[in-house]
PDB file of N, CA and C in Angstrom:
ATOM      1  N   UNK A   1       0.848  -1.176   0.000  1.00  0.00           N
ATOM      2  CA  UNK A   1       0.000   0.000   0.000  1.00  0.00           C
ATOM      3  C   UNK A   1       0.891   1.236   0.000  1.00  0.00           C
ATOM      4  N   UNK A   2       0.576   2.186  -0.818  1.00  0.00           N
ATOM      5  CA  UNK A   2       1.387   3.387  -0.979  1.00  0.00           C
ATOM      6  C   UNK A   2       1.175   4.339   0.190  1.00  0.00           C
ATOM      7  N   UNK A   3       2.225   5.047   0.544  1.00  0.00           N
ATOM      8  CA  UNK A   3       2.152   6.049   1.602  1.00  0.00           C
ATOM      9  C   UNK A   3       1.343   7.244   1.099  1.00  0.00           C
ATOM     10  N   UNK A   4       0.479   7.810   1.948  1.00  0.00           N
ATOM     11  CA  UNK A   4      -0.256   9.002   1.505  1.00  0.00           C
ATOM     12  C   UNK A   4       0.701  10.171   1.336  1.00  0.00           C
ATOM     13  N   UNK A   5       0.434  10.977   0.337  1.00  0.00           N
ATOM     14  CA  UNK A   5       1.302  12.126   0.095  1.00  0.00           C
ATOM     15  C   UNK A   5       1.011  13.210   1.127  1.00  0.00           C
ATOM     16  N   UNK A   6       2.039  13.937   1.538  1.00  0.00           N
ATOM     17  CA  UNK A   6       1.814  14.992   2.527  1.00  0.00           C
ATOM     18  C   UNK A   6       0.940  16.102   1.954  1.00  0.00           C
ATOM     19  N   UNK A   7       0.158  16.701   2.811  1.00  0.00           N
ATOM     20  CA  UNK A   7      -0.716  17.784   2.384  1.00  0.00           C
ATOM     21  C   UNK A   7       0.112  19.035   2.157  1.00  0.00           C
ATOM     22  N   UNK A   8      -0.089  19.664   1.035  1.00  0.00           N
ATOM     23  CA  UNK A   8       0.612  20.904   0.737  1.00  0.00           C
ATOM     24  C   UNK A   8      -0.228  22.077   1.178  1.00  0.00           C
ATOM     25  N   UNK A   9       0.433  23.034   1.760  1.00  0.00           N
ATOM     26  CA  UNK A   9      -0.257  24.251   2.154  1.00  0.00           C
ATOM     27  C   UNK A   9      -0.008  25.316   1.117  1.00  0.00           C
ATOM     28  N   UNK A  10      -1.084  25.975   0.733  1.00  0.00           N
ATOM     29  CA  UNK A  10      -0.950  27.083  -0.206  1.00  0.00           C
ATOM     30  C   UNK A  10      -0.545  28.325   0.571  1.00  0.00           C
ATOM     31  N   UNK A  11       0.329  29.115   0.031  1.00  0.00           N
ATOM     32  CA  UNK A  11       0.708  30.345   0.731  1.00  0.00           C
ATOM     33  C   UNK A  11      -0.479  31.291   0.812  1.00  0.00           C
ATOM     34  N   UNK A  12      -0.558  31.990   1.935  1.00  0.00           N
ATOM     35  CA  UNK A  12      -1.645  32.944   2.113  1.00  0.00           C
ATOM     36  C   UNK A  12      -1.460  34.111   1.153  1.00  0.00           C
ATOM     37  N   UNK A  13      -2.537  34.512   0.536  1.00  0.00           N
ATOM     38  CA  UNK A  13      -2.454  35.649  -0.377  1.00  0.00           C
ATOM     39  C   UNK A  13      -2.326  36.930   0.432  1.00  0.00           C
ATOM     40  N   UNK A  14      -1.857  37.967  -0.218  1.00  0.00           N
ATOM     41  CA  UNK A  14      -1.628  39.230   0.480  1.00  0.00           C
ATOM     42  C   UNK A  14      -2.932  39.870   0.926  1.00  0.00           C
ATOM     43  N   UNK A  15      -4.033  39.558   0.264  1.00  0.00           N
ATOM     44  CA  UNK A  15      -5.280  40.228   0.621  1.00  0.00           C
ATOM     45  C   UNK A  15      -5.989  39.510   1.764  1.00  0.00           C
ATOM     46  N   UNK A  16      -6.798  38.511   1.451  1.00  0.00           N
ATOM     47  CA  UNK A  16      -7.603  37.844   2.459  1.00  0.00           C
ATOM     48  C   UNK A  16      -6.837  36.902   3.350  1.00  0.00           C
ATOM     49  N   UNK A  17      -5.790  36.271   2.827  1.00  0.00           N
ATOM     50  CA  UNK A  17      -5.061  35.270   3.593  1.00  0.00           C
ATOM     51  C   UNK A  17      -4.376  35.825   4.821  1.00  0.00           C
ATOM     52  N   UNK A  18      -3.662  36.934   4.666  1.00  0.00           N
ATOM     53  CA  UNK A  18      -2.968  37.520   5.814  1.00  0.00           C
ATOM     54  C   UNK A  18      -3.962  38.033   6.840  1.00  0.00           C
ATOM     55  N   UNK A  19      -5.040  38.621   6.402  1.00  0.00           N
ATOM     56  CA  UNK A  19      -6.066  39.110   7.326  1.00  0.00           C
ATOM     57  C   UNK A  19      -6.690  37.939   8.078  1.00  0.00           C
ATOM     58  N   UNK A  20      -6.901  36.833   7.368  1.00  0.00           N
ATOM     59  CA  UNK A  20      -7.474  35.654   8.021  1.00  0.00           C
ATOM     60  C   UNK A  20      -6.516  35.111   9.065  1.00  0.00           C
ATOM     61  N   UNK A  21      -5.227  35.098   8.735  1.00  0.00           N
ATOM     62  CA  UNK A  21      -4.250  34.618   9.711  1.00  0.00           C
ATOM     63  C   UNK A  21      -4.211  35.515  10.933  1.00  0.00           C
ATOM     64  N   UNK A  22      -4.305  36.824  10.733  1.00  0.00           N
ATOM     65  CA  UNK A  22      -4.335  37.739  11.876  1.00  0.00           C
ATOM     66  C   UNK A  22      -5.591  37.493  12.708  1.00  0.00           C
ATOM     67  N   UNK A  23      -6.700  37.184  12.059  1.00  0.00           N
ATOM     68  CA  UNK A  23      -7.959  36.974  12.770  1.00  0.00           C
ATOM     69  C   UNK A  23      -7.925  35.708  13.607  1.00  0.00           C
ATOM     70  N   UNK A  24      -7.243  34.672  13.110  1.00  0.00           N
ATOM     71  CA  UNK A  24      -7.249  33.420  13.863  1.00  0.00           C
ATOM     72  C   UNK A  24      -6.061  33.291  14.793  1.00  0.00           C
ATOM     73  N   UNK A  25      -5.085  34.162  14.690  1.00  0.00           N
ATOM     74  CA  UNK A  25      -3.920  34.089  15.565  1.00  0.00           C
ATOM     75  C   UNK A  25      -4.319  34.081  17.038  1.00  0.00           C
ATOM     76  N   UNK A  26      -5.302  34.913  17.494  1.00  0.00           N
ATOM     77  CA  UNK A  26      -5.685  34.860  18.903  1.00  0.00           C
ATOM     78  C   UNK A  26      -6.246  33.503  19.318  1.00  0.00           C
ATOM     79  N   UNK A  27      -6.712  32.701  18.364  1.00  0.00           N
ATOM     80  CA  UNK A  27      -7.238  31.383  18.708  1.00  0.00           C
ATOM     81  C   UNK A  27      -6.174  30.527  19.368  1.00  0.00           C
ATOM     82  N   UNK A  28      -4.937  30.693  19.004  1.00  0.00           N
ATOM     83  CA  UNK A  28      -3.869  29.892  19.573  1.00  0.00           C
ATOM     84  C   UNK A  28      -3.678  30.134  21.054  1.00  0.00           C
ATOM     85  N   UNK A  29      -3.997  31.323  21.537  1.00  0.00           N
ATOM     86  CA  UNK A  29      -3.819  31.651  22.942  1.00  0.00           C
ATOM     87  C   UNK A  29      -4.799  30.905  23.837  1.00  0.00           C
ATOM     88  N   UNK A  30      -5.998  30.645  23.352  1.00  0.00           N
ATOM     89  CA  UNK A  30      -7.012  29.963  24.158  1.00  0.00           C
ATOM     90  C   UNK A  30      -7.528  28.737  23.414  1.00  0.00           C
ATOM     91  N   UNK A  31      -6.630  28.014  22.797  1.00  0.00           N
ATOM     92  CA  UNK A  31      -7.055  26.925  21.923  1.00  0.00           C
ATOM     93  C   UNK A  31      -7.825  25.836  22.652  1.00  0.00           C
ATOM     94  N   UNK A  32      -7.490  25.541  23.905  1.00  0.00           N
ATOM     95  CA  UNK A  32      -8.208  24.488  24.625  1.00  0.00           C
ATOM     96  C   UNK A  32      -9.666  24.884  24.830  1.00  0.00           C
ATOM     97  N   UNK A  33      -9.901  26.129  25.219  1.00  0.00           N
ATOM     98  CA  UNK A  33     -11.269  26.603  25.408  1.00  0.00           C
ATOM     99  C   UNK A  33     -12.014  26.620  24.086  1.00  0.00           C
ATOM    100  N   UNK A  34     -11.344  27.088  23.035  1.00  0.00           N
ATOM    101  CA  UNK A  34     -11.984  27.138  21.728  1.00  0.00           C
ATOM    102  C   UNK A  34     -12.350  25.749  21.242  1.00  0.00           C
ATOM    103  N   UNK A  35     -11.437  24.795  21.412  1.00  0.00           N
ATOM    104  CA  UNK A  35     -11.738  23.425  20.979  1.00  0.00           C
ATOM    105  C   UNK A  35     -12.881  22.847  21.781  1.00  0.00           C
ATOM    106  N   UNK A  36     -12.971  23.211  23.046  1.00  0.00           N
ATOM    107  CA  UNK A  36     -14.044  22.712  23.898  1.00  0.00           C
ATOM    108  C   UNK A  36     -15.400  23.177  23.378  1.00  0.00           C
ATOM    109  N   UNK A  37     -15.509  24.439  23.039  1.00  0.00           N
ATOM    110  CA  UNK A  37     -16.789  24.982  22.567  1.00  0.00           C
ATOM    111  C   UNK A  37     -17.011  24.696  21.090  1.00  0.00           C
ATOM    112  N   UNK A  38     -15.945  24.572  20.321  1.00  0.00           N
ATOM    113  CA  UNK A  38     -16.074  24.430  18.868  1.00  0.00           C
ATOM    114  C   UNK A  38     -16.757  23.125  18.462  1.00  0.00           C
ATOM    115  N   UNK A  39     -16.675  22.094  19.250  1.00  0.00           N
ATOM    116  CA  UNK A  39     -17.326  20.822  18.910  1.00  0.00           C
ATOM    117  C   UNK A  39     -18.824  21.068  18.765  1.00  0.00           C
ATOM    118  N   UNK A  40     -19.421  20.511  17.730  1.00  0.00           N
ATOM    119  CA  UNK A  40     -20.797  20.818  17.333  1.00  0.00           C
ATOM    120  C   UNK A  40     -21.812  20.711  18.470  1.00  0.00           C
ATOM    121  N   UNK A  41     -21.853  19.598  19.184  1.00  0.00           N
ATOM    122  CA  UNK A  41     -22.878  19.419  20.204  1.00  0.00           C
ATOM    123  C   UNK A  41     -22.628  20.328  21.408  1.00  0.00           C
ATOM    124  N   UNK A  42     -21.368  20.521  21.779  1.00  0.00           N
ATOM    125  CA  UNK A  42     -21.079  21.413  22.915  1.00  0.00           C
ATOM    126  C   UNK A  42     -21.426  22.860  22.559  1.00  0.00           C
ATOM    127  N   UNK A  43     -21.145  23.263  21.329  1.00  0.00           N
ATOM    128  CA  UNK A  43     -21.539  24.610  20.892  1.00  0.00           C
ATOM    129  C   UNK A  43     -23.060  24.740  20.925  1.00  0.00           C
ATOM    130  N   UNK A  44     -23.761  23.712  20.523  1.00  0.00           N
ATOM    131  CA  UNK A  44     -25.230  23.730  20.552  1.00  0.00           C
ATOM    132  C   UNK A  44     -25.751  23.817  21.984  1.00  0.00           C
ATOM    133  N   UNK A  45     -25.116  23.106  22.903  1.00  0.00           N
ATOM    134  CA  UNK A  45     -25.542  23.144  24.310  1.00  0.00           C
ATOM    135  C   UNK A  45     -25.387  24.550  24.874  1.00  0.00           C
ATOM    136  N   UNK A  46     -24.196  25.138  24.734  1.00  0.00           N
ATOM    137  CA  UNK A  46     -23.992  26.475  25.304  1.00  0.00           C
ATOM    138  C   UNK A  46     -24.855  27.516  24.594  1.00  0.00           C
ATOM    139  N   UNK A  47     -25.102  27.342  23.309  1.00  0.00           N
ATOM    140  CA  UNK A  47     -25.960  28.273  22.572  1.00  0.00           C
ATOM    141  C   UNK A  47     -27.403  28.191  23.061  1.00  0.00           C
ATOM    142  N   UNK A  48     -27.890  26.975  23.260  1.00  0.00           N
ATOM    143  CA  UNK A  48     -29.262  26.797  23.761  1.00  0.00           C
ATOM    144  C   UNK A  48     -29.396  27.389  25.164  1.00  0.00           C
ATOM    145  N   UNK A  49     -28.371  27.191  25.989  1.00  0.00           N
ATOM    146  CA  UNK A  49     -28.425  27.715  27.351  1.00  0.00           C
ATOM    147  C   UNK A  49     -28.219  29.227  27.391  1.00  0.00           C
ATOM    148  N   UNK A  50     -27.589  29.786  26.373  1.00  0.00           N
ATOM    149  CA  UNK A  50     -27.372  31.234  26.325  1.00  0.00           C
ATOM    150  C   UNK A  50     -28.687  31.984  26.139  1.00  0.00           C
ATOM    151  N   UNK A  51     -29.665  31.344  25.514  1.00  0.00           N
ATOM    152  CA  UNK A  51     -30.948  32.008  25.267  1.00  0.00           C
ATOM    153  C   UNK A  51     -32.065  31.491  26.168  1.00  0.00           C
ATOM    154  N   UNK A  52     -31.740  30.582  27.085  1.00  0.00           N
ATOM    155  CA  UNK A  52     -32.699  30.066  28.057  1.00  0.00           C
ATOM    156  C   UNK A  52     -32.030  30.095  29.425  1.00  0.00           C
ATOM    157  N   UNK A  53     -32.746  30.552  30.430  1.00  0.00           N
ATOM    158  CA  UNK A  53     -32.152  30.616  31.768  1.00  0.00           C
ATOM    159  C   UNK A  53     -31.727  29.228  32.231  1.00  0.00           C
ATOM    160  N   UNK A  54     -32.606  28.260  32.103  1.00  0.00           N
ATOM    161  CA  UNK A  54     -32.283  26.867  32.417  1.00  0.00           C
ATOM    162  C   UNK A  54     -33.011  25.970  31.430  1.00  0.00           C
ATOM    163  N   UNK A  55     -32.449  24.791  31.228  1.00  0.00           N
ATOM    164  CA  UNK A  55     -33.096  23.749  30.434  1.00  0.00           C
ATOM    165  C   UNK A  55     -32.871  22.423  31.137  1.00  0.00           C
ATOM    166  N   UNK A  56     -33.873  21.583  31.113  1.00  0.00           N
ATOM    167  CA  UNK A  56     -33.711  20.251  31.695  1.00  0.00           C
ATOM    168  C   UNK A  56     -32.937  19.369  30.723  1.00  0.00           C
ATOM    169  N   UNK A  57     -32.439  18.266  31.243  1.00  0.00           N
ATOM    170  CA  UNK A  57     -31.730  17.305  30.397  1.00  0.00           C
ATOM    171  C   UNK A  57     -32.633  16.877  29.244  1.00  0.00           C
ATOM    172  N   UNK A  58     -33.890  16.594  29.552  1.00  0.00           N
ATOM    173  CA  UNK A  58     -34.840  16.145  28.533  1.00  0.00           C
ATOM    174  C   UNK A  58     -35.074  17.227  27.483  1.00  0.00           C
ATOM    175  N   UNK A  59     -35.213  18.472  27.904  1.00  0.00           N
ATOM    176  CA  UNK A  59     -35.410  19.563  26.953  1.00  0.00           C
ATOM    177  C   UNK A  59     -34.186  19.708  26.041  1.00  0.00           C
ATOM    178  N   UNK A  60     -32.987  19.670  26.629  1.00  0.00           N
ATOM    179  CA  UNK A  60     -31.772  19.759  25.819  1.00  0.00           C
ATOM    180  C   UNK A  60     -31.693  18.619  24.817  1.00  0.00           C
ATOM    181  N   UNK A  61     -31.974  17.409  25.289  1.00  0.00           N
ATOM    182  CA  UNK A  61     -31.910  16.242  24.400  1.00  0.00           C
ATOM    183  C   UNK A  61     -32.867  16.398  23.221  1.00  0.00           C
ATOM    184  N   UNK A  62     -34.073  16.898  23.488  1.00  0.00           N
ATOM    185  CA  UNK A  62     -35.058  17.073  22.419  1.00  0.00           C
ATOM    186  C   UNK A  62     -34.677  18.216  21.481  1.00  0.00           C
ATOM    187  N   UNK A  63     -34.224  19.331  22.032  1.00  0.00           N
ATOM    188  CA  UNK A  63     -33.828  20.477  21.210  1.00  0.00           C
ATOM    189  C   UNK A  63     -32.682  20.105  20.282  1.00  0.00           C
ATOM    190  N   UNK A  64     -31.703  19.372  20.835  1.00  0.00           N
ATOM    191  CA  UNK A  64     -30.493  19.049  20.084  1.00  0.00           C
ATOM    192  C   UNK A  64     -30.605  17.752  19.291  1.00  0.00           C
ATOM    193  N   UNK A  65     -31.707  17.023  19.486  1.00  0.00           N
ATOM    194  CA  UNK A  65     -31.951  15.771  18.774  1.00  0.00           C
ATOM    195  C   UNK A  65     -30.746  14.835  18.876  1.00  0.00           C
ATOM    196  N   UNK A  66     -30.405  14.491  20.119  1.00  0.00           N
ATOM    197  CA  UNK A  66     -29.268  13.614  20.367  1.00  0.00           C
ATOM    198  C   UNK A  66     -29.658  12.539  21.364  1.00  0.00           C
ATOM    199  N   UNK A  67     -28.746  11.644  21.634  1.00  0.00           N
ATOM    200  CA  UNK A  67     -29.010  10.552  22.573  1.00  0.00           C
ATOM    201  C   UNK A  67     -28.661  10.972  23.993  1.00  0.00           C
ATOM    202  N   UNK A  68     -29.191  10.221  24.964  1.00  0.00           N
ATOM    203  CA  UNK A  68     -28.882  10.489  26.369  1.00  0.00           C
ATOM    204  C   UNK A  68     -27.374  10.426  26.614  1.00  0.00           C
ATOM    205  N   UNK A  69     -26.748   9.367  26.111  1.00  0.00           N
ATOM    206  CA  UNK A  69     -25.319   9.176  26.345  1.00  0.00           C
ATOM    207  C   UNK A  69     -24.472  10.272  25.733  1.00  0.00           C
ATOM    208  N   UNK A  70     -24.786  10.649  24.515  1.00  0.00           N
ATOM    209  CA  UNK A  70     -24.031  11.700  23.835  1.00  0.00           C
ATOM    210  C   UNK A  70     -24.175  13.029  24.574  1.00  0.00           C
ATOM    211  N   UNK A  71     -25.391  13.368  24.956  1.00  0.00           N
ATOM    212  CA  UNK A  71     -25.622  14.617  25.675  1.00  0.00           C
ATOM    213  C   UNK A  71     -24.919  14.612  27.020  1.00  0.00           C
ATOM    214  N   UNK A  72     -25.003  13.506  27.749  1.00  0.00           N
ATOM    215  CA  UNK A  72     -24.388  13.480  29.081  1.00  0.00           C
ATOM    216  C   UNK A  72     -22.872  13.612  29.018  1.00  0.00           C
ATOM    217  N   UNK A  73     -22.235  12.991  28.028  1.00  0.00           N
ATOM    218  CA  UNK A  73     -20.777  13.084  27.887  1.00  0.00           C
ATOM    219  C   UNK A  73     -20.360  14.524  27.589  1.00  0.00           C
ATOM    220  N   UNK A  74     -21.040  15.171  26.655  1.00  0.00           N
ATOM    221  CA  UNK A  74     -20.665  16.532  26.274  1.00  0.00           C
ATOM    222  C   UNK A  74     -21.032  17.548  27.355  1.00  0.00           C
ATOM    223  N   UNK A  75     -22.165  17.351  28.008  1.00  0.00           N
ATOM    224  CA  UNK A  75     -22.544  18.247  29.102  1.00  0.00           C
ATOM    225  C   UNK A  75     -21.551  18.133  30.251  1.00  0.00           C
ATOM    226  N   UNK A  76     -21.058  16.929  30.507  1.00  0.00           N
ATOM    227  CA  UNK A  76     -20.076  16.731  31.578  1.00  0.00           C
ATOM    228  C   UNK A  76     -18.777  17.466  31.268  1.00  0.00           C
ATOM    229  N   UNK A  77     -18.342  17.441  30.027  1.00  0.00           N
ATOM    230  CA  UNK A  77     -17.122  18.167  29.646  1.00  0.00           C
ATOM    231  C   UNK A  77     -17.300  19.665  29.887  1.00  0.00           C
ATOM    232  N   UNK A  78     -18.463  20.188  29.563  1.00  0.00           N
ATOM    233  CA  UNK A  78     -18.737  21.600  29.803  1.00  0.00           C
ATOM    234  C   UNK A  78     -18.828  21.906  31.299  1.00  0.00           C
ATOM    235  N   UNK A  79     -19.385  20.972  32.067  1.00  0.00           N
ATOM    236  CA  UNK A  79     -19.421  21.123  33.525  1.00  0.00           C
ATOM    237  C   UNK A  79     -18.014  21.139  34.106  1.00  0.00           C
ATOM    238  N   UNK A  80     -17.197  20.194  33.665  1.00  0.00           N
ATOM    239  CA  UNK A  80     -15.823  20.099  34.166  1.00  0.00           C
ATOM    240  C   UNK A  80     -15.032  21.375  33.883  1.00  0.00           C
ATOM    241  N   UNK A  81     -15.343  22.037  32.781  1.00  0.00           N
ATOM    242  CA  UNK A  81     -14.664  23.289  32.423  1.00  0.00           C
ATOM    243  C   UNK A  81     -15.249  24.488  33.170  1.00  0.00           C
ATOM    244  N   UNK A  82     -16.375  24.282  33.843  1.00  0.00           N
ATOM    245  CA  UNK A  82     -17.019  25.380  34.557  1.00  0.00           C
ATOM    246  C   UNK A  82     -17.905  26.243  33.683  1.00  0.00           C
ATOM    247  N   UNK A  83     -18.237  25.766  32.491  1.00  0.00           N
ATOM    248  CA  UNK A  83     -19.061  26.533  31.560  1.00  0.00           C
ATOM    249  C   UNK A  83     -20.557  26.316  31.805  1.00  0.00           C
ATOM    250  N   UNK A  84     -20.902  25.165  32.336  1.00  0.00           N
ATOM    251  CA  UNK A  84     -22.294  24.797  32.561  1.00  0.00           C
ATOM    252  C   UNK A  84     -22.420  24.290  33.990  1.00  0.00           C
ATOM    253  N   UNK A  85     -23.544  24.610  34.603  1.00  0.00           N
ATOM    254  CA  UNK A  85     -23.824  24.122  35.951  1.00  0.00           C
ATOM    255  C   UNK A  85     -25.048  23.218  35.893  1.00  0.00           C
ATOM    256  N   UNK A  86     -24.964  22.081  36.568  1.00  0.00           N
ATOM    257  CA  UNK A  86     -26.069  21.122  36.587  1.00  0.00           C
ATOM    258  C   UNK A  86     -26.612  21.018  38.006  1.00  0.00           C
ATOM    259  N   UNK A  87     -27.933  21.130  38.143  1.00  0.00           N
ATOM    260  CA  UNK A  87     -28.602  20.963  39.428  1.00  0.00           C
ATOM    261  C   UNK A  87     -29.470  19.718  39.323  1.00  0.00           C
ATOM    262  N   UNK A  88     -29.226  18.761  40.237  1.00  0.00           N
ATOM    263  CA  UNK A  88     -29.984  17.505  40.217  1.00  0.00           C
ATOM    264  C   UNK A  88     -30.933  17.475  41.412  1.00  0.00           C
ATOM    265  N   UNK A  89     -32.166  17.031  41.159  1.00  0.00           N
ATOM    266  CA  UNK A  89     -33.163  16.944  42.216  1.00  0.00           C
ATOM    267  C   UNK A  89     -34.261  15.978  41.779  1.00  0.00           C
ATOM    268  N   UNK A  90     -35.220  15.745  42.661  1.00  0.00           N
ATOM    269  CA  UNK A  90     -36.355  14.890  42.333  1.00  0.00           C
ATOM    270  C   UNK A  90     -37.606  15.747  42.220  1.00  0.00           C
ATOM    271  N   UNK A  91     -38.408  15.505  41.194  1.00  0.00           N
ATOM    272  CA  UNK A  91     -39.705  16.147  41.009  1.00  0.00           C
ATOM    273  C   UNK A  91     -40.735  15.024  40.939  1.00  0.00           C
ATOM    274  N   UNK A  92     -41.544  14.919  41.977  1.00  0.00           N
ATOM    275  CA  UNK A  92     -42.535  13.840  42.073  1.00  0.00           C
ATOM    276  C   UNK A  92     -41.887  12.472  41.871  1.00  0.00           C
ATOM    277  N   UNK A  93     -40.825  12.232  42.616  1.00  0.00           N
ATOM    278  CA  UNK A  93     -40.091  10.961  42.612  1.00  0.00           C
ATOM    279  C   UNK A  93     -39.350  10.660  41.312  1.00  0.00           C
ATOM    280  N   UNK A  94     -39.286  11.620  40.429  1.00  0.00           N
ATOM    281  CA  UNK A  94     -38.574  11.440  39.161  1.00  0.00           C
ATOM    282  C   UNK A  94     -37.297  12.280  39.216  1.00  0.00           C
ATOM    283  N   UNK A  95     -36.144  11.636  38.978  1.00  0.00           N
ATOM    284  CA  UNK A  95     -34.910  12.421  38.995  1.00  0.00           C
ATOM    285  C   UNK A  95     -34.891  13.438  37.844  1.00  0.00           C
ATOM    286  N   UNK A  96     -34.379  14.618  38.148  1.00  0.00           N
ATOM    287  CA  UNK A  96     -34.356  15.683  37.143  1.00  0.00           C
ATOM    288  C   UNK A  96     -33.009  16.389  37.212  1.00  0.00           C
ATOM    289  N   UNK A  97     -32.506  16.761  36.048  1.00  0.00           N
ATOM    290  CA  UNK A  97     -31.263  17.519  35.946  1.00  0.00           C
ATOM    291  C   UNK A  97     -31.548  18.776  35.148  1.00  0.00           C
ATOM    292  N   UNK A  98     -31.268  19.915  35.763  1.00  0.00           N
ATOM    293  CA  UNK A  98     -31.436  21.196  35.082  1.00  0.00           C
ATOM    294  C   UNK A  98     -30.061  21.797  34.838  1.00  0.00           C
ATOM    295  N   UNK A  99     -29.898  22.384  33.668  1.00  0.00           N
ATOM    296  CA  UNK A  99     -28.620  22.964  33.269  1.00  0.00           C
ATOM    297  C   UNK A  99     -28.774  24.462  33.065  1.00  0.00           C
ATOM    298  N   UNK A 100     -27.710  25.182  33.408  1.00  0.00           N
ATOM    299  CA  UNK A 100     -27.664  26.618  33.137  1.00  0.00           C
ATOM    300  C   UNK A 100     -26.244  26.989  32.753  1.00  0.00           C
ATOM    301  N   UNK A 101     -26.127  28.045  31.969  1.00  0.00           N
ATOM    302  CA  UNK A 101     -24.834  28.542  31.531  1.00  0.00           C
ATOM    303  C   UNK A 101     -24.254  29.411  32.642  1.00  0.00           C
ATOM    304  N   UNK A 102     -22.995  29.194  32.997  1.00  0.00           N
ATOM    305  CA  UNK A 102     -22.344  29.992  34.029  1.00  0.00           C
ATOM    306  C   UNK A 102     -21.810  31.290  33.423  1.00  0.00           C
ATOM    307  N   UNK A 103     -21.362  32.188  34.285  1.00  0.00           N
ATOM    308  CA  UNK A 103     -20.749  33.433  33.823  1.00  0.00           C
ATOM    309  C   UNK A 103     -19.507  33.105  32.993  1.00  0.00           C
ATOM    310  N   UNK A 104     -18.730  32.142  33.461  1.00  0.00           N
ATOM    311  CA  UNK A 104     -17.527  31.723  32.727  1.00  0.00           C
ATOM    312  C   UNK A 104     -17.905  31.150  31.357  1.00  0.00           C
ATOM    313  N   UNK A 105     -18.986  30.378  31.299  1.00  0.00           N
ATOM    314  CA  UNK A 105     -19.448  29.795  30.045  1.00  0.00           C
ATOM    315  C   UNK A 105     -19.925  30.852  29.069  1.00  0.00           C
ATOM    316  N   UNK A 106     -20.636  31.845  29.579  1.00  0.00           N
ATOM    317  CA  UNK A 106     -21.113  32.932  28.712  1.00  0.00           C
ATOM    318  C   UNK A 106     -19.934  33.728  28.164  1.00  0.00           C
ATOM    319  N   UNK A 107     -18.933  33.968  29.005  1.00  0.00           N
ATOM    320  CA  UNK A 107     -17.743  34.705  28.555  1.00  0.00           C
ATOM    321  C   UNK A 107     -16.988  33.905  27.497  1.00  0.00           C
ATOM    322  N   UNK A 108     -16.875  32.592  27.693  1.00  0.00           N
ATOM    323  CA  UNK A 108     -16.185  31.740  26.719  1.00  0.00           C
ATOM    324  C   UNK A 108     -16.940  31.713  25.395  1.00  0.00           C
ATOM    325  N   UNK A 109     -18.261  31.636  25.458  1.00  0.00           N
ATOM    326  CA  UNK A 109     -19.072  31.643  24.238  1.00  0.00           C
ATOM    327  C   UNK A 109     -18.933  32.981  23.511  1.00  0.00           C
ATOM    328  N   UNK A 110     -18.970  34.074  24.251  1.00  0.00           N
ATOM    329  CA  UNK A 110     -18.818  35.395  23.651  1.00  0.00           C
ATOM    330  C   UNK A 110     -17.453  35.534  22.971  1.00  0.00           C
ATOM    331  N   UNK A 111     -16.398  35.091  23.650  1.00  0.00           N
ATOM    332  CA  UNK A 111     -15.053  35.162  23.067  1.00  0.00           C
ATOM    333  C   UNK A 111     -14.970  34.309  21.810  1.00  0.00           C
ATOM    334  N   UNK A 112     -15.540  33.115  21.860  1.00  0.00           N
ATOM    335  CA  UNK A 112     -15.535  32.213  20.711  1.00  0.00           C
ATOM    336  C   UNK A 112     -16.269  32.847  19.529  1.00  0.00           C
ATOM    337  N   UNK A 113     -17.448  33.406  19.782  1.00  0.00           N
ATOM    338  CA  UNK A 113     -18.229  34.033  18.709  1.00  0.00           C
ATOM    339  C   UNK A 113     -17.504  35.241  18.137  1.00  0.00           C
ATOM    340  N   UNK A 114     -16.854  36.024  18.990  1.00  0.00           N
ATOM    341  CA  UNK A 114     -16.073  37.165  18.504  1.00  0.00           C
ATOM    342  C   UNK A 114     -14.948  36.706  17.586  1.00  0.00           C
ATOM    343  N   UNK A 115     -14.274  35.629  17.945  1.00  0.00           N
ATOM    344  CA  UNK A 115     -13.194  35.102  17.107  1.00  0.00           C
ATOM    345  C   UNK A 115     -13.728  34.587  15.781  1.00  0.00           C
ATOM    346  N   UNK A 116     -14.850  33.911  15.802  1.00  0.00           N
ATOM    347  CA  UNK A 116     -15.426  33.400  14.558  1.00  0.00           C
ATOM    348  C   UNK A 116     -15.898  34.553  13.669  1.00  0.00           C
ATOM    349  N   UNK A 117     -16.493  35.601  14.271  1.00  0.00           N
ATOM    350  CA  UNK A 117     -16.915  36.766  13.502  1.00  0.00           C
ATOM    351  C   UNK A 117     -15.718  37.460  12.870  1.00  0.00           C
ATOM    352  N   UNK A 118     -14.619  37.562  13.610  1.00  0.00           N
ATOM    353  CA  UNK A 118     -13.391  38.175  13.063  1.00  0.00           C
ATOM    354  C   UNK A 118     -12.873  37.375  11.894  1.00  0.00           C
ATOM    355  N   UNK A 119     -12.919  36.064  11.999  1.00  0.00           N
ATOM    356  CA  UNK A 119     -12.465  35.196  10.915  1.00  0.00           C
ATOM    357  C   UNK A 119     -13.341  35.378   9.674  1.00  0.00           C
ATOM    358  N   UNK A 120     -14.651  35.423   9.868  1.00  0.00           N
ATOM    359  CA  UNK A 120     -15.572  35.614   8.747  1.00  0.00           C
ATOM    360  C   UNK A 120     -15.332  36.978   8.085  1.00  0.00           C
ATOM    361  N   UNK A 121     -15.178  38.032   8.896  1.00  0.00           N
ATOM    362  CA  UNK A 121     -14.915  39.369   8.334  1.00  0.00           C
ATOM    363  C   UNK A 121     -13.615  39.372   7.535  1.00  0.00           C
ATOM    364  N   UNK A 122     -12.587  38.739   8.076  1.00  0.00           N
ATOM    365  CA  UNK A 122     -11.287  38.710   7.386  1.00  0.00           C
ATOM    366  C   UNK A 122     -11.374  37.956   6.070  1.00  0.00           C
ATOM    367  N   UNK A 123     -12.134  36.892   6.027  1.00  0.00           N
ATOM    368  CA  UNK A 123     -12.244  36.106   4.803  1.00  0.00           C
ATOM    369  C   UNK A 123     -13.102  36.821   3.745  1.00  0.00           C
ATOM    370  N   UNK A 124     -13.963  37.716   4.162  1.00  0.00           N
ATOM    371  CA  UNK A 124     -14.822  38.434   3.202  1.00  0.00           C
ATOM    372  C   UNK A 124     -14.164  39.683   2.649  1.00  0.00           C
ATOM    373  N   UNK A 125     -13.034  40.073   3.184  1.00  0.00           N
ATOM    374  CA  UNK A 125     -12.363  41.290   2.705  1.00  0.00           C
ATOM    375  C   UNK A 125     -11.697  41.044   1.383  1.00  0.00           C
TER     376      UNK A 125
END
């Protein structure tokens, strides 16, 4: 079996390429946080919580159209980072988990969106 050829990078053009590189350069400073939020389901979770004060596990699962296991794994990663807070309790003998976006989570989402907007602006120039 033949070895795959290495990927060649095209040099950035003087117009949009350099501006795009300047726009994404700040991403390197907080890359772990960006990667945490950038994953599709985690971005969807923080986005849903940004426009709702709280959502139950069931509401999140239905809104995001995902499985219990997938949602719990990604929500836990956001909890571990301090971006999401989970409150567990019983309602009429039924266990319930409610999620809310923390101040740290809102700040991380805002920073992420600002970086993505800068990248889009740079690419459109």
